[in-house]
C-alpha atoms as a PDB file:
ATOM      1  CA  MET A   1    -183.985  -0.757  93.062  1.00  0.00           C
ATOM      2  CA  LYS A   2    -181.890  -3.015  90.481  1.00  0.00           C
ATOM      3  CA  HIS A   3    -182.632  -7.277  90.089  1.00  0.00           C
ATOM      4  CA  THR A   4    -179.823  -8.743  88.451  1.00  0.00           C
ATOM      5  CA  VAL A   5    -180.156 -13.281  87.353  1.00  0.00           C
ATOM      6  CA  ASP A   6    -176.974 -14.430  85.519  1.00  0.00           C
ATOM      7  CA  THR A   7    -177.855 -17.262  83.837  1.00  0.00           C
ATOM      8  CA  SER A   8    -175.307 -20.166  82.297  1.00  0.00           C
ATOM      9  CA  TRP A   9    -175.627 -22.550  79.344  1.00  0.00           C
ATOM     10  CA  LYS A  10    -174.634 -26.013  80.384  1.00  0.00           C
ATOM     11  CA  GLY A  11    -174.713 -28.209  77.420  1.00  0.00           C
ATOM     12  CA  ASN A  12    -177.609 -29.008  75.175  1.00  0.00           C
ATOM     13  CA  MET A  13    -180.638 -26.974  76.290  1.00  0.00           C
ATOM     14  CA  LEU A  14    -179.919 -26.784  80.253  1.00  0.00           C
ATOM     15  CA  PHE A  15    -179.464 -23.842  81.601  1.00  0.00           C
ATOM     16  CA  ASP A  16    -178.575 -22.871  85.107  1.00  0.00           C
ATOM     17  CA  ALA A  17    -179.758 -19.621  86.410  1.00  0.00           C
ATOM     18  CA  ASN A  18    -178.684 -17.625  89.753  1.00  0.00           C
ATOM     19  CA  VAL A  19    -181.515 -16.151  91.626  1.00  0.00           C
ATOM     20  CA  SER A  20    -180.356 -14.208  94.355  1.00  0.00           C
ATOM     21  CA  GLY A  21    -177.604 -17.439  95.797  1.00  0.00           C
ATOM     22  CA  HIS A  22    -180.094 -20.116  94.316  1.00  0.00           C
ATOM     23  CA  HIS A  23    -180.070 -22.176  91.363  1.00  0.00           C
ATOM     24  CA  VAL A  24    -182.921 -22.688  89.175  1.00  0.00           C
ATOM     25  CA  LEU A  25    -182.281 -25.133  85.782  1.00  0.00           C
ATOM     26  CA  MET A  26    -183.987 -24.896  82.845  1.00  0.00           C
ATOM     27  CA  ASP A  27    -184.204 -27.424  80.310  1.00  0.00           C
ATOM     28  CA  ALA A  28    -186.346 -28.973  77.635  1.00  0.00           C
ATOM     29  CA  VAL A  29    -187.833 -32.334  76.894  1.00  0.00           C
ATOM     30  CA  PRO A  30    -185.810 -34.589  74.651  1.00  0.00           C
ATOM     31  CA  ALA A  31    -187.967 -34.327  71.742  1.00  0.00           C
ATOM     32  CA  VAL A  32    -186.076 -30.779  71.117  1.00  0.00           C
ATOM     33  CA  GLY A  33    -182.800 -31.530  72.555  1.00  0.00           C
ATOM     34  CA  GLY A  34    -182.940 -31.158  76.329  1.00  0.00           C
ATOM     35  CA  GLU A  35    -182.703 -33.536  79.179  1.00  0.00           C
ATOM     36  CA  ASP A  36    -185.195 -33.039  80.943  1.00  0.00           C
ATOM     37  CA  LYS A  37    -183.096 -31.826  84.106  1.00  0.00           C
ATOM     38  CA  GLY A  38    -184.633 -28.533  85.257  1.00  0.00           C
ATOM     39  CA  SER A  39    -188.174 -26.640  84.478  1.00  0.00           C
ATOM     40  CA  ARG A  40    -188.914 -25.328  81.304  1.00  0.00           C
ATOM     41  CA  PRO A  41    -188.578 -21.080  81.563  1.00  0.00           C
ATOM     42  CA  LYS A  42    -192.696 -20.589  80.185  1.00  0.00           C
ATOM     43  CA  GLU A  43    -193.592 -22.362  83.472  1.00  0.00           C
ATOM     44  CA  LEU A  44    -191.301 -20.720  85.629  1.00  0.00           C
ATOM     45  CA  MET A  45    -193.403 -17.337  84.858  1.00  0.00           C
ATOM     46  CA  LEU A  46    -196.268 -19.159  86.791  1.00  0.00           C
ATOM     47  CA  ALA A  47    -194.513 -20.272  89.709  1.00  0.00           C
ATOM     48  CA  SER A  48    -193.629 -16.455  90.002  1.00  0.00           C
ATOM     49  CA  LEU A  49    -196.695 -15.576  90.289  1.00  0.00           C
ATOM     50  CA  ALA A  50    -197.772 -18.172  92.310  1.00  0.00           C
ATOM     51  CA  GLY A  51    -194.953 -17.424  95.099  1.00  0.00           C
ATOM     52  CA  CYS A  52    -195.766 -14.044  94.497  1.00  0.00           C
ATOM     53  CA  SER A  53    -199.412 -13.464  95.391  1.00  0.00           C
ATOM     54  CA  GLY A  54    -199.066 -16.150  97.741  1.00  0.00           C
ATOM     55  CA  MET A  55    -196.519 -14.598 100.013  1.00  0.00           C
ATOM     56  CA  ASP A  56    -198.753 -11.690 100.133  1.00  0.00           C
ATOM     57  CA  VAL A  57    -201.958 -13.469 100.774  1.00  0.00           C
ATOM     58  CA  VAL A  58    -199.701 -15.184 103.497  1.00  0.00           C
ATOM     59  CA  SER A  59    -198.437 -12.105 104.826  1.00  0.00           C
ATOM     60  CA  ILE A  60    -202.421 -10.026 104.839  1.00  0.00           C
ATOM     61  CA  LEU A  61    -203.696 -13.042 106.381  1.00  0.00           C
ATOM     62  CA  LYS A  62    -201.011 -13.567 109.135  1.00  0.00           C
ATOM     63  CA  LYS A  63    -202.526  -9.774 109.858  1.00  0.00           C
ATOM     64  CA  MET A  64    -206.044 -10.349 109.783  1.00  0.00           C
ATOM     65  CA  ARG A  65    -204.938 -13.172 112.221  1.00  0.00           C
ATOM     66  CA  VAL A  66    -206.717 -15.066 109.585  1.00  0.00           C
ATOM     67  CA  GLU A  67    -205.413 -19.015 110.946  1.00  0.00           C
ATOM     68  CA  PHE A  68    -205.749 -21.752 107.929  1.00  0.00           C
ATOM     69  CA  THR A  69    -203.119 -24.631 107.853  1.00  0.00           C
ATOM     70  CA  GLY A  70    -202.657 -25.069 104.023  1.00  0.00           C
ATOM     71  CA  LEU A  71    -202.691 -22.824 100.356  1.00  0.00           C
ATOM     72  CA  ASP A  72    -202.620 -24.077  97.637  1.00  0.00           C
ATOM     73  CA  ILE A  73    -202.216 -22.138  94.313  1.00  0.00           C
ATOM     74  CA  ARG A  74    -202.385 -23.615  91.114  1.00  0.00           C
ATOM     75  CA  VAL A  75    -202.032 -21.342  88.261  1.00  0.00           C
ATOM     76  CA  GLU A  76    -203.728 -22.490  84.742  1.00  0.00           C
ATOM     77  CA  ALA A  77    -202.217 -20.942  81.566  1.00  0.00           C
ATOM     78  CA  GLY A  78    -203.562 -20.835  77.730  1.00  0.00           C
ATOM     79  CA  MET A  79    -201.140 -20.833  75.162  1.00  0.00           C
ATOM     80  CA  THR A  80    -201.232 -19.419  71.749  1.00  0.00           C
ATOM     81  CA  GLU A  81    -200.897 -22.055  68.595  1.00  0.00           C
ATOM     82  CA  GLU A  82    -198.276 -19.436  66.418  1.00  0.00           C
ATOM     83  CA  HIS A  83    -195.212 -18.514  67.271  1.00  0.00           C
ATOM     84  CA  PRO A  84    -193.887 -16.625  69.435  1.00  0.00           C
ATOM     85  CA  LYS A  85    -195.422 -19.460  71.575  1.00  0.00           C
ATOM     86  CA  HIS A  86    -196.934 -17.386  74.628  1.00  0.00           C
ATOM     87  CA  TYR A  87    -199.606 -17.341  77.656  1.00  0.00           C
ATOM     88  CA  ASP A  88    -202.428 -15.643  76.375  1.00  0.00           C
ATOM     89  CA  LYS A  89    -204.400 -15.688  80.293  1.00  0.00           C
ATOM     90  CA  MET A  90    -203.855 -16.912  83.445  1.00  0.00           C
ATOM     91  CA  HIS A  91    -206.388 -18.801  86.108  1.00  0.00           C
ATOM     92  CA  VAL A  92    -204.941 -18.629  89.378  1.00  0.00           C
ATOM     93  CA  ILE A  93    -206.805 -20.922  91.845  1.00  0.00           C
ATOM     94  CA  TYR A  94    -205.967 -20.485  95.861  1.00  0.00           C
ATOM     95  CA  THR A  95    -207.036 -22.922  97.586  1.00  0.00           C
ATOM     96  CA  PHE A  96    -207.283 -22.480 101.564  1.00  0.00           C
ATOM     97  CA  THR A  97    -207.023 -25.776 104.284  1.00  0.00           C
ATOM     98  CA  GLY A  98    -208.498 -24.778 107.466  1.00  0.00           C
ATOM     99  CA  ASN A  99    -211.711 -24.553 109.628  1.00  0.00           C
ATOM    100  CA  ASP A 100    -214.165 -21.878 110.129  1.00  0.00           C
ATOM    101  CA  LEU A 101    -212.436 -19.542 107.279  1.00  0.00           C
ATOM    102  CA  GLN A 102    -214.346 -17.156 106.364  1.00  0.00           C
ATOM    103  CA  MET A 103    -214.681 -16.535 102.777  1.00  0.00           C
ATOM    104  CA  GLU A 104    -214.608 -12.713 102.806  1.00  0.00           C
ATOM    105  CA  GLN A 105    -211.001 -12.416 104.456  1.00  0.00           C
ATOM    106  CA  LEU A 106    -210.021 -14.928 102.202  1.00  0.00           C
ATOM    107  CA  LYS A 107    -211.115 -12.606  99.212  1.00  0.00           C
ATOM    108  CA  LYS A 108    -209.734  -9.246 100.453  1.00  0.00           C
ATOM    109  CA  ALA A 109    -206.786 -10.825 101.238  1.00  0.00           C
ATOM    110  CA  VAL A 110    -206.051 -12.007  97.690  1.00  0.00           C
ATOM    111  CA  GLU A 111    -207.666  -8.756  95.727  1.00  0.00           C
ATOM    112  CA  LEU A 112    -205.093  -7.206  97.238  1.00  0.00           C
ATOM    113  CA  SER A 113    -202.809  -9.329  96.449  1.00  0.00           C
ATOM    114  CA  GLN A 114    -204.431  -9.261  92.605  1.00  0.00           C
ATOM    115  CA  GLU A 115    -204.899  -5.565  92.747  1.00  0.00           C
ATOM    116  CA  ARG A 116    -202.024  -3.711  94.475  1.00  0.00           C
ATOM    117  CA  TYR A 117    -199.075  -5.872  95.511  1.00  0.00           C
ATOM    118  CA  CYS A 118    -198.745  -8.371  93.481  1.00  0.00           C
ATOM    119  CA  GLY A 119    -195.801  -6.949  91.332  1.00  0.00           C
ATOM    120  CA  VAL A 120    -195.877 -10.112  88.937  1.00  0.00           C
ATOM    121  CA  ALA A 121    -199.628 -10.311  88.689  1.00  0.00           C
ATOM    122  CA  PHE A 122    -199.170  -6.486  87.642  1.00  0.00           C
ATOM    123  CA  VAL A 123    -197.193  -7.454  85.062  1.00  0.00           C
ATOM    124  CA  PHE A 124    -198.773  -9.896  83.092  1.00  0.00           C
ATOM    125  CA  LYS A 125    -202.294  -8.101  83.474  1.00  0.00           C
ATOM    126  CA  LYS A 126    -200.538  -6.000  81.118  1.00  0.00           C
ATOM    127  CA  ALA A 127    -199.842  -8.858  78.887  1.00  0.00           C
ATOM    128  CA  MET A 128    -203.357 -11.104  79.031  1.00  0.00           C
ATOM    129  CA  GLU A 129    -205.746 -11.562  81.124  1.00  0.00           C
ATOM    130  CA  VAL A 130    -205.738 -12.880  84.211  1.00  0.00           C
ATOM    131  CA  THR A 131    -208.478 -14.274  86.577  1.00  0.00           C
ATOM    132  CA  TYR A 132    -208.414 -15.997  89.691  1.00  0.00           C
ATOM    133  CA  GLU A 133    -210.780 -18.428  91.980  1.00  0.00           C
ATOM    134  CA  ILE A 134    -210.836 -19.111  95.883  1.00  0.00           C
ATOM    135  CA  ARG A 135    -211.735 -22.682  97.064  1.00  0.00           C
ATOM    136  CA  ILE A 136    -211.721 -23.677 100.602  1.00  0.00           C
ATOM    137  CA  ASN A 137    -211.564 -27.585 101.837  1.00  0.00           C
ATOM    138  CA  PRO A 138    -212.465 -27.938 105.586  1.00  0.00           C
ATOM    139  CA  GLU A 139    -209.879 -29.992 107.622  1.00  0.00           C
ATOM    140  CA  GLY A 140    -211.304 -33.073 108.073  1.00  0.00           C
END
């Protein structure tokens, strides 16, 4: 299997990536010649991790018949100071919303995603430390 993403320069620092038929704009801040018309490429790495793992977790919890009303995923990343500046660690915070949620079930779903199914996490773990935590917000 092979994936292909076509990306076109749109002037200044703006690029338009065609990802599975969807346009993803990437741009820089004005201080470095951009116009802030899109996401920063490195930050999209964080979104990829959240999306990949989130889809796994939702799928696993549905199979386990766990009912929840919300899932928010925050990815925090540490950046090196020297060029090439890159992430040297990532921390994923899964916040589930719902009543009567069992931490054991949530932990199992997250662990399966992080350790077995999420290809993005797999690749990132080869380059840096990736940690996670789980939080529960009861509905009220």
